[in-house]
Amino acid sequence: MIFEAEMYCACAKTAELDGTDPVQLVGAGLWVGVLSRGVCRLQGCEVPGRSGDVLLGAGPLALVPESDCHLLAVRLTGYCADAYLLRLGAPRWADGASCPGAAELVAQLQTADSAAMAYALLCAIAKADETARPLPPLVSEAVTAIRQNYMALYGVEELSEQLGVTKSHLVRTFKQALGVPPGKYLTTVRIEAVKTLLLTDEHNLEMIAGLTGFSGANYLCRVFKREVGVSPAAWRAAAAPPPAVPKLPPRSEEMFV
């Protein structure tokens, strides 16, 4: 097969939360969940999700219901899902009104394994991260600074100096708004950038480390394995496209004996 749609977007797993028992969503890729009932807390995130909200983020995600809840979730994988995660950053709840078709698509993917449907869901949530609850000005500035300069940013202390606040104040405010400290958010953005560069064979690990803010290939490998669960080489091998199918010659060039 010359083109495999699953390379770009596919539904790798489905999950359901129904009741009050905590659930953990694990596995590489983008988790998309629709909360249709109740109030649910995303561990590490200050603001809980409410009925109608959309869950977005990379696993592992720990969900702790505050009331009787129902949530359907799917895990999307592939190049397009990775690109979305790179922009998304930290896991979050988003306003479901921004993607009214998401609930139906998530429900359909519970019973149908369709790459086209998975891609349609990704398109449906394309702007969901932009309609998430407004961030405090300091956190918004920090997120912008991290996304624009993750390759050269030394760390949280340098970031706090750039923003004119103390490191402790930045960490506290950032974690209250996004559920993770700025250092963790910076690492997440860097890892997703690494994944994007690993999708081609143009750069070796030492070059990728330099382009994404890591001090060297060895340190990159340690952090990548800790965050993703596999080495960069293993992730690259799993994400590599299948070998191209040799092109057949025109019939006029065939030789007959």
C-alpha atoms as a PDB file:
ATOM      1  CA  MET A   1       0.000   0.000   0.000  1.00  0.00           C
ATOM      2  CA  ILE A   2       1.535   3.290  -1.119  1.00  0.00           C
ATOM      3  CA  PHE A   3      -0.268   5.560   1.380  1.00  0.00           C
ATOM      4  CA  GLU A   4      -1.234   4.545   4.910  1.00  0.00           C
ATOM      5  CA  ALA A   5      -3.515   7.085   6.550  1.00  0.00           C
ATOM      6  CA  GLU A   6      -2.786   5.607   9.996  1.00  0.00           C
ATOM      7  CA  MET A   7       0.752   7.049   9.801  1.00  0.00           C
ATOM      8  CA  TYR A   8      -0.747  10.516  10.048  1.00  0.00           C
ATOM      9  CA  CYS A   9      -3.702  10.022  12.373  1.00  0.00           C
ATOM     10  CA  ALA A  10      -5.206   6.906  13.927  1.00  0.00           C
ATOM     11  CA  CYS A  11      -7.216   5.886  16.968  1.00  0.00           C
ATOM     12  CA  ALA A  12      -4.913   3.689  19.047  1.00  0.00           C
ATOM     13  CA  LYS A  13      -7.122   3.141  22.116  1.00  0.00           C
ATOM     14  CA  THR A  14     -10.464   4.054  23.667  1.00  0.00           C
ATOM     15  CA  ALA A  15     -11.397   4.500  27.320  1.00  0.00           C
ATOM     16  CA  GLU A  16     -14.468   5.292  29.394  1.00  0.00           C
ATOM     17  CA  LEU A  17     -14.993   6.761  32.853  1.00  0.00           C
ATOM     18  CA  ASP A  18     -18.433   6.032  34.284  1.00  0.00           C
ATOM     19  CA  GLY A  19     -19.078   6.678  37.958  1.00  0.00           C
ATOM     20  CA  THR A  20     -16.830   7.916  40.726  1.00  0.00           C
ATOM     21  CA  ASP A  21     -13.754   5.679  40.455  1.00  0.00           C
ATOM     22  CA  PRO A  22     -10.478   7.354  39.386  1.00  0.00           C
ATOM     23  CA  VAL A  23      -9.135   6.469  35.926  1.00  0.00           C
ATOM     24  CA  GLN A  24      -5.662   6.825  34.439  1.00  0.00           C
ATOM     25  CA  LEU A  25      -5.188   7.311  30.702  1.00  0.00           C
ATOM     26  CA  VAL A  26      -1.778   6.079  29.568  1.00  0.00           C
ATOM     27  CA  GLY A  27       0.094   5.566  26.307  1.00  0.00           C
ATOM     28  CA  ALA A  28       1.870   7.728  23.742  1.00  0.00           C
ATOM     29  CA  GLY A  29      -0.221  10.103  21.695  1.00  0.00           C
ATOM     30  CA  LEU A  30      -2.972  12.686  22.172  1.00  0.00           C
ATOM     31  CA  TRP A  31      -5.876  11.843  24.482  1.00  0.00           C
ATOM     32  CA  VAL A  32      -9.162  13.519  23.583  1.00  0.00           C
ATOM     33  CA  GLY A  33     -12.031  13.071  26.003  1.00  0.00           C
ATOM     34  CA  VAL A  34     -15.550  14.491  26.240  1.00  0.00           C
ATOM     35  CA  LEU A  35     -17.057  14.902  29.706  1.00  0.00           C
ATOM     36  CA  SER A  36     -20.805  14.473  29.336  1.00  0.00           C
ATOM     37  CA  ARG A  37     -21.750  14.326  33.021  1.00  0.00           C
ATOM     38  CA  GLY A  38     -20.428  15.520  36.360  1.00  0.00           C
ATOM     39  CA  VAL A  39     -17.348  17.329  37.576  1.00  0.00           C
ATOM     40  CA  CYS A  40     -13.932  15.727  37.124  1.00  0.00           C
ATOM     41  CA  ARG A  41     -10.503  16.809  38.264  1.00  0.00           C
ATOM     42  CA  LEU A  42      -7.397  16.301  36.155  1.00  0.00           C
ATOM     43  CA  GLN A  43      -4.648  15.550  38.638  1.00  0.00           C
ATOM     44  CA  GLY A  44      -2.213  18.444  38.767  1.00  0.00           C
ATOM     45  CA  CYS A  45      -4.678  20.871  37.157  1.00  0.00           C
ATOM     46  CA  GLU A  46      -6.228  23.459  39.458  1.00  0.00           C
ATOM     47  CA  VAL A  47      -9.529  23.944  37.579  1.00  0.00           C
ATOM     48  CA  PRO A  48     -11.743  20.830  37.246  1.00  0.00           C
ATOM     49  CA  GLY A  49     -13.584  19.876  34.094  1.00  0.00           C
ATOM     50  CA  ARG A  50     -17.363  20.218  33.962  1.00  0.00           C
ATOM     51  CA  SER A  51     -20.051  18.653  31.801  1.00  0.00           C
ATOM     52  CA  GLY A  52     -19.434  19.590  28.174  1.00  0.00           C
ATOM     53  CA  ASP A  53     -15.708  20.216  28.569  1.00  0.00           C
ATOM     54  CA  VAL A  54     -13.109  18.536  26.346  1.00  0.00           C
ATOM     55  CA  LEU A  55     -10.019  16.881  27.797  1.00  0.00           C
ATOM     56  CA  LEU A  56      -6.796  17.365  25.815  1.00  0.00           C
ATOM     57  CA  GLY A  57      -3.334  16.097  26.642  1.00  0.00           C
ATOM     58  CA  ALA A  58      -0.619  13.481  26.446  1.00  0.00           C
ATOM     59  CA  GLY A  59      -0.661  10.560  28.866  1.00  0.00           C
ATOM     60  CA  PRO A  60      -0.403   9.657  31.581  1.00  0.00           C
ATOM     61  CA  LEU A  61      -3.503  11.582  32.666  1.00  0.00           C
ATOM     62  CA  ALA A  62      -5.016  10.871  36.100  1.00  0.00           C
ATOM     63  CA  LEU A  63      -8.736  11.658  36.310  1.00  0.00           C
ATOM     64  CA  VAL A  64     -10.403  11.917  39.715  1.00  0.00           C
ATOM     65  CA  PRO A  65     -14.213  12.440  39.682  1.00  0.00           C
ATOM     66  CA  GLU A  66     -15.634  14.911  42.173  1.00  0.00           C
ATOM     67  CA  SER A  67     -19.140  13.624  41.462  1.00  0.00           C
ATOM     68  CA  ASP A  68     -20.807  10.935  39.358  1.00  0.00           C
ATOM     69  CA  CYS A  69     -19.090  11.389  35.978  1.00  0.00           C
ATOM     70  CA  HIS A  70     -19.181  10.057  32.475  1.00  0.00           C
ATOM     71  CA  LEU A  71     -16.333  10.604  30.031  1.00  0.00           C
ATOM     72  CA  LEU A  72     -15.481   8.964  26.720  1.00  0.00           C
ATOM     73  CA  ALA A  73     -11.888   9.296  25.521  1.00  0.00           C
ATOM     74  CA  VAL A  74      -9.775   8.183  22.578  1.00  0.00           C
ATOM     75  CA  ARG A  75      -6.005   8.194  22.100  1.00  0.00           C
ATOM     76  CA  LEU A  76      -4.884   9.561  18.736  1.00  0.00           C
ATOM     77  CA  THR A  77      -1.446   8.749  17.310  1.00  0.00           C
ATOM     78  CA  GLY A  78       0.465   9.688  14.155  1.00  0.00           C
ATOM     79  CA  TYR A  79       2.289  12.680  12.726  1.00  0.00           C
ATOM     80  CA  CYS A  80      -0.725  15.016  12.939  1.00  0.00           C
ATOM     81  CA  ALA A  81      -1.474  14.137  16.560  1.00  0.00           C
ATOM     82  CA  ASP A  82       2.181  14.756  17.456  1.00  0.00           C
ATOM     83  CA  ALA A  83       2.062  18.160  15.763  1.00  0.00           C
ATOM     84  CA  TYR A  84      -1.060  19.082  17.743  1.00  0.00           C
ATOM     85  CA  LEU A  85       0.632  18.084  21.008  1.00  0.00           C
ATOM     86  CA  LEU A  86       3.610  20.281  20.174  1.00  0.00           C
ATOM     87  CA  ARG A  87       1.314  23.303  20.081  1.00  0.00           C
ATOM     88  CA  LEU A  88      -0.864  22.219  22.997  1.00  0.00           C
ATOM     89  CA  GLY A  89       1.764  21.939  25.704  1.00  0.00           C
ATOM     90  CA  ALA A  90       0.355  20.991  29.116  1.00  0.00           C
ATOM     91  CA  PRO A  91      -2.843  18.872  29.427  1.00  0.00           C
ATOM     92  CA  ARG A  92      -6.001  20.875  30.014  1.00  0.00           C
ATOM     93  CA  TRP A  93      -9.773  21.091  29.921  1.00  0.00           C
ATOM     94  CA  ALA A  94     -11.115  23.168  27.015  1.00  0.00           C
ATOM     95  CA  ASP A  95     -14.528  24.616  26.301  1.00  0.00           C
ATOM     96  CA  GLY A  96     -16.545  21.991  24.420  1.00  0.00           C
ATOM     97  CA  ALA A  97     -18.590  24.708  22.705  1.00  0.00           C
ATOM     98  CA  SER A  98     -15.587  25.354  20.463  1.00  0.00           C
ATOM     99  CA  CYS A  99     -15.824  21.868  18.920  1.00  0.00           C
ATOM    100  CA  PRO A 100     -19.464  20.687  18.948  1.00  0.00           C
ATOM    101  CA  GLY A 101     -18.732  17.751  16.642  1.00  0.00           C
ATOM    102  CA  ALA A 102     -16.115  16.229  18.933  1.00  0.00           C
ATOM    103  CA  ALA A 103     -18.559  14.364  21.182  1.00  0.00           C
ATOM    104  CA  GLU A 104     -20.156  12.489  18.290  1.00  0.00           C
ATOM    105  CA  LEU A 105     -16.807  11.579  16.729  1.00  0.00           C
ATOM    106  CA  VAL A 106     -15.381  10.316  20.030  1.00  0.00           C
ATOM    107  CA  ALA A 107     -18.501   8.170  20.497  1.00  0.00           C
ATOM    108  CA  GLN A 108     -18.195   6.745  16.967  1.00  0.00           C
ATOM    109  CA  LEU A 109     -14.521   5.908  17.476  1.00  0.00           C
ATOM    110  CA  GLN A 110     -15.470   3.733  20.449  1.00  0.00           C
ATOM    111  CA  THR A 111     -16.866   1.185  17.994  1.00  0.00           C
ATOM    112  CA  ALA A 112     -15.271   2.023  14.631  1.00  0.00           C
ATOM    113  CA  ASP A 113     -11.541   2.029  13.888  1.00  0.00           C
ATOM    114  CA  SER A 114     -11.306   4.625  11.133  1.00  0.00           C
ATOM    115  CA  ALA A 115      -8.274   6.760  10.285  1.00  0.00           C
ATOM    116  CA  ALA A 116     -10.537   9.202   8.457  1.00  0.00           C
ATOM    117  CA  MET A 117     -12.760   9.557  11.520  1.00  0.00           C
ATOM    118  CA  ALA A 118      -9.721  10.022  13.776  1.00  0.00           C
ATOM    119  CA  TYR A 119      -8.437  12.788  11.512  1.00  0.00           C
ATOM    120  CA  ALA A 120     -11.899  14.397  11.466  1.00  0.00           C
ATOM    121  CA  LEU A 121     -11.802  14.489  15.273  1.00  0.00           C
ATOM    122  CA  LEU A 122      -8.378  16.138  15.182  1.00  0.00           C
ATOM    123  CA  CYS A 123      -9.786  18.770  12.815  1.00  0.00           C
ATOM    124  CA  ALA A 124     -12.809  19.258  15.080  1.00  0.00           C
ATOM    125  CA  ILE A 125     -10.620  20.071  18.086  1.00  0.00           C
ATOM    126  CA  ALA A 126      -8.159  22.162  16.048  1.00  0.00           C
ATOM    127  CA  LYS A 127      -8.996  25.372  17.907  1.00  0.00           C
ATOM    128  CA  ALA A 128     -10.138  23.867  21.200  1.00  0.00           C
ATOM    129  CA  ASP A 129      -6.849  24.736  22.899  1.00  0.00           C
ATOM    130  CA  GLU A 130      -7.350  28.376  21.921  1.00  0.00           C
ATOM    131  CA  THR A 131     -10.704  28.521  23.719  1.00  0.00           C
ATOM    132  CA  ALA A 132      -9.454  27.122  26.994  1.00  0.00           C
ATOM    133  CA  ARG A 133     -10.148  29.230  30.053  1.00  0.00           C
ATOM    134  CA  PRO A 134      -8.127  32.483  29.958  1.00  0.00           C
ATOM    135  CA  LEU A 135      -4.713  32.315  31.592  1.00  0.00           C
ATOM    136  CA  PRO A 136      -3.394  34.924  34.033  1.00  0.00           C
ATOM    137  CA  PRO A 137      -1.246  37.505  32.163  1.00  0.00           C
ATOM    138  CA  LEU A 138       1.984  36.269  33.785  1.00  0.00           C
ATOM    139  CA  VAL A 139       1.294  32.659  32.820  1.00  0.00           C
ATOM    140  CA  SER A 140       0.297  33.651  29.289  1.00  0.00           C
ATOM    141  CA  GLU A 141       3.585  35.556  28.903  1.00  0.00           C
ATOM    142  CA  ALA A 142       5.527  32.594  30.292  1.00  0.00           C
ATOM    143  CA  VAL A 143       3.858  30.139  27.908  1.00  0.00           C
ATOM    144  CA  THR A 144       4.581  32.396  24.935  1.00  0.00           C
ATOM    145  CA  ALA A 145       8.213  32.823  25.994  1.00  0.00           C
ATOM    146  CA  ILE A 146       8.662  29.058  26.390  1.00  0.00           C
ATOM    147  CA  ARG A 147       7.094  28.199  23.034  1.00  0.00           C
ATOM    148  CA  GLN A 148       9.062  30.843  21.164  1.00  0.00           C
ATOM    149  CA  ASN A 149      12.444  30.277  22.827  1.00  0.00           C
ATOM    150  CA  TYR A 150      12.494  26.713  24.205  1.00  0.00           C
ATOM    151  CA  MET A 151      15.665  25.889  22.267  1.00  0.00           C
ATOM    152  CA  ALA A 152      17.713  28.655  23.916  1.00  0.00           C
ATOM    153  CA  LEU A 153      16.026  29.053  27.307  1.00  0.00           C
ATOM    154  CA  TYR A 154      18.399  27.949  30.062  1.00  0.00           C
ATOM    155  CA  GLY A 155      15.724  27.242  32.659  1.00  0.00           C
ATOM    156  CA  VAL A 156      12.988  28.590  34.917  1.00  0.00           C
ATOM    157  CA  GLU A 157      15.318  30.977  36.728  1.00  0.00           C
ATOM    158  CA  GLU A 158      16.243  32.703  33.460  1.00  0.00           C
ATOM    159  CA  LEU A 159      12.567  32.773  32.456  1.00  0.00           C
ATOM    160  CA  SER A 160      11.552  34.432  35.733  1.00  0.00           C
ATOM    161  CA  GLU A 161      14.269  37.070  35.266  1.00  0.00           C
ATOM    162  CA  GLN A 162      12.989  37.822  31.764  1.00  0.00           C
ATOM    163  CA  LEU A 163       9.458  38.269  33.136  1.00  0.00           C
ATOM    164  CA  GLY A 164      10.599  40.395  36.070  1.00  0.00           C
ATOM    165  CA  VAL A 165       9.274  38.152  38.865  1.00  0.00           C
ATOM    166  CA  THR A 166      10.781  35.802  41.401  1.00  0.00           C
ATOM    167  CA  LYS A 167      11.188  32.149  40.496  1.00  0.00           C
ATOM    168  CA  SER A 168       8.957  31.011  43.369  1.00  0.00           C
ATOM    169  CA  HIS A 169       6.138  33.360  42.316  1.00  0.00           C
ATOM    170  CA  LEU A 170       6.330  32.206  38.696  1.00  0.00           C
ATOM    171  CA  VAL A 171       6.311  28.526  39.670  1.00  0.00           C
ATOM    172  CA  ARG A 172       3.361  28.978  42.043  1.00  0.00           C
ATOM    173  CA  THR A 173       1.258  31.026  39.604  1.00  0.00           C
ATOM    174  CA  PHE A 174       2.072  28.802  36.626  1.00  0.00           C
ATOM    175  CA  LYS A 175       1.215  25.586  38.454  1.00  0.00           C
ATOM    176  CA  GLN A 176      -2.073  26.996  39.757  1.00  0.00           C
ATOM    177  CA  ALA A 177      -3.142  27.897  36.214  1.00  0.00           C
ATOM    178  CA  LEU A 178      -1.898  24.898  34.195  1.00  0.00           C
ATOM    179  CA  GLY A 179      -1.430  22.161  36.767  1.00  0.00           C
ATOM    180  CA  VAL A 180       2.277  21.706  36.042  1.00  0.00           C
ATOM    181  CA  PRO A 181       5.317  23.831  36.945  1.00  0.00           C
ATOM    182  CA  PRO A 182       7.012  25.832  34.167  1.00  0.00           C
ATOM    183  CA  GLY A 183      10.022  23.497  34.158  1.00  0.00           C
ATOM    184  CA  LYS A 184       7.800  20.522  33.349  1.00  0.00           C
ATOM    185  CA  TYR A 185       5.987  22.523  30.674  1.00  0.00           C
ATOM    186  CA  LEU A 186       9.332  23.494  29.115  1.00  0.00           C
ATOM    187  CA  THR A 187      10.396  19.845  29.040  1.00  0.00           C
ATOM    188  CA  THR A 188       7.097  18.833  27.405  1.00  0.00           C
ATOM    189  CA  VAL A 189       7.490  21.440  24.654  1.00  0.00           C
ATOM    190  CA  ARG A 190      11.088  20.334  24.039  1.00  0.00           C
ATOM    191  CA  ILE A 191      10.151  16.644  23.863  1.00  0.00           C
ATOM    192  CA  GLU A 192       7.425  17.312  21.307  1.00  0.00           C
ATOM    193  CA  ALA A 193       9.938  19.324  19.245  1.00  0.00           C
ATOM    194  CA  VAL A 194      12.326  16.369  19.436  1.00  0.00           C
ATOM    195  CA  LYS A 195       9.578  14.061  18.144  1.00  0.00           C
ATOM    196  CA  THR A 196       9.006  16.339  15.166  1.00  0.00           C
ATOM    197  CA  LEU A 197      12.713  16.270  14.267  1.00  0.00           C
ATOM    198  CA  LEU A 198      12.873  12.503  14.747  1.00  0.00           C
ATOM    199  CA  LEU A 199      10.290  12.033  12.014  1.00  0.00           C
ATOM    200  CA  THR A 200      13.037  12.553   9.435  1.00  0.00           C
ATOM    201  CA  ASP A 201      16.564  11.201   9.109  1.00  0.00           C
ATOM    202  CA  GLU A 202      18.065  14.627   8.464  1.00  0.00           C
ATOM    203  CA  HIS A 203      19.440  15.102  11.998  1.00  0.00           C
ATOM    204  CA  ASN A 204      21.348  12.863  14.379  1.00  0.00           C
ATOM    205  CA  LEU A 205      20.656  12.941  18.122  1.00  0.00           C
ATOM    206  CA  GLU A 206      23.469  15.373  18.894  1.00  0.00           C
ATOM    207  CA  MET A 207      22.081  17.860  16.366  1.00  0.00           C
ATOM    208  CA  ILE A 208      18.527  17.376  17.644  1.00  0.00           C
ATOM    209  CA  ALA A 209      19.706  18.022  21.204  1.00  0.00           C
ATOM    210  CA  GLY A 210      21.260  21.312  20.125  1.00  0.00           C
ATOM    211  CA  LEU A 211      18.142  22.377  18.236  1.00  0.00           C
ATOM    212  CA  THR A 212      15.772  21.674  21.133  1.00  0.00           C
ATOM    213  CA  GLY A 213      17.638  23.023  24.144  1.00  0.00           C
ATOM    214  CA  PHE A 214      19.229  19.862  25.561  1.00  0.00           C
ATOM    215  CA  SER A 215      22.881  19.937  26.616  1.00  0.00           C
ATOM    216  CA  GLY A 216      23.770  16.822  24.618  1.00  0.00           C
ATOM    217  CA  ALA A 217      22.566  13.568  23.109  1.00  0.00           C
ATOM    218  CA  ASN A 218      23.063  11.551  26.314  1.00  0.00           C
ATOM    219  CA  TYR A 219      20.976  13.944  28.390  1.00  0.00           C
ATOM    220  CA  LEU A 220      18.328  14.076  25.658  1.00  0.00           C
ATOM    221  CA  CYS A 221      18.098  10.270  25.676  1.00  0.00           C
ATOM    222  CA  ARG A 222      17.687  10.134  29.460  1.00  0.00           C
ATOM    223  CA  VAL A 223      14.932  12.758  29.527  1.00  0.00           C
ATOM    224  CA  PHE A 224      13.161  11.331  26.474  1.00  0.00           C
ATOM    225  CA  LYS A 225      13.120   7.814  27.957  1.00  0.00           C
ATOM    226  CA  ARG A 226      11.807   9.179  31.263  1.00  0.00           C
ATOM    227  CA  GLU A 227       9.038  11.232  29.652  1.00  0.00           C
ATOM    228  CA  VAL A 228       8.009   8.991  26.737  1.00  0.00           C
ATOM    229  CA  GLY A 229       8.895   5.520  28.003  1.00  0.00           C
ATOM    230  CA  VAL A 230      11.126   4.540  25.077  1.00  0.00           C
ATOM    231  CA  SER A 231      14.438   5.770  23.678  1.00  0.00           C
ATOM    232  CA  PRO A 232      14.533   8.314  20.820  1.00  0.00           C
ATOM    233  CA  ALA A 233      15.878   5.599  18.510  1.00  0.00           C
ATOM    234  CA  ALA A 234      13.004   3.256  19.368  1.00  0.00           C
ATOM    235  CA  TRP A 235      10.450   6.039  18.931  1.00  0.00           C
ATOM    236  CA  ARG A 236      11.956   7.004  15.567  1.00  0.00           C
ATOM    237  CA  ALA A 237      11.892   3.378  14.379  1.00  0.00           C
ATOM    238  CA  ALA A 238       8.242   2.986  15.405  1.00  0.00           C
ATOM    239  CA  ALA A 239       7.241   6.249  13.710  1.00  0.00           C
ATOM    240  CA  ALA A 240       9.221   5.649  10.518  1.00  0.00           C
ATOM    241  CA  PRO A 241       7.103   5.357   7.365  1.00  0.00           C
ATOM    242  CA  PRO A 242       7.138   2.016   5.573  1.00  0.00           C
ATOM    243  CA  PRO A 243       9.603   1.607   2.686  1.00  0.00           C
ATOM    244  CA  ALA A 244       8.430   3.069  -0.579  1.00  0.00           C
ATOM    245  CA  VAL A 245       6.916   0.677  -3.081  1.00  0.00           C
ATOM    246  CA  PRO A 246       9.189   0.432  -6.160  1.00  0.00           C
ATOM    247  CA  LYS A 247       7.726   2.141  -9.174  1.00  0.00           C
ATOM    248  CA  LEU A 248       6.853  -0.243 -11.963  1.00  0.00           C
ATOM    249  CA  PRO A 249       8.178   0.618 -15.435  1.00  0.00           C
ATOM    250  CA  PRO A 250       5.731   1.653 -18.148  1.00  0.00           C
ATOM    251  CA  ARG A 251       4.394  -1.259 -20.129  1.00  0.00           C
ATOM    252  CA  SER A 252       6.155   0.058 -23.205  1.00  0.00           C
ATOM    253  CA  GLU A 253       9.497  -0.574 -21.474  1.00  0.00           C
ATOM    254  CA  GLU A 254       8.704  -4.152 -20.452  1.00  0.00           C
ATOM    255  CA  MET A 255      10.700  -6.892 -22.125  1.00  0.00           C
ATOM    256  CA  PHE A 256       8.988  -9.949 -23.454  1.00  0.00           C
ATOM    257  CA  VAL A 257      10.806 -13.166 -24.210  1.00  0.00           C
END
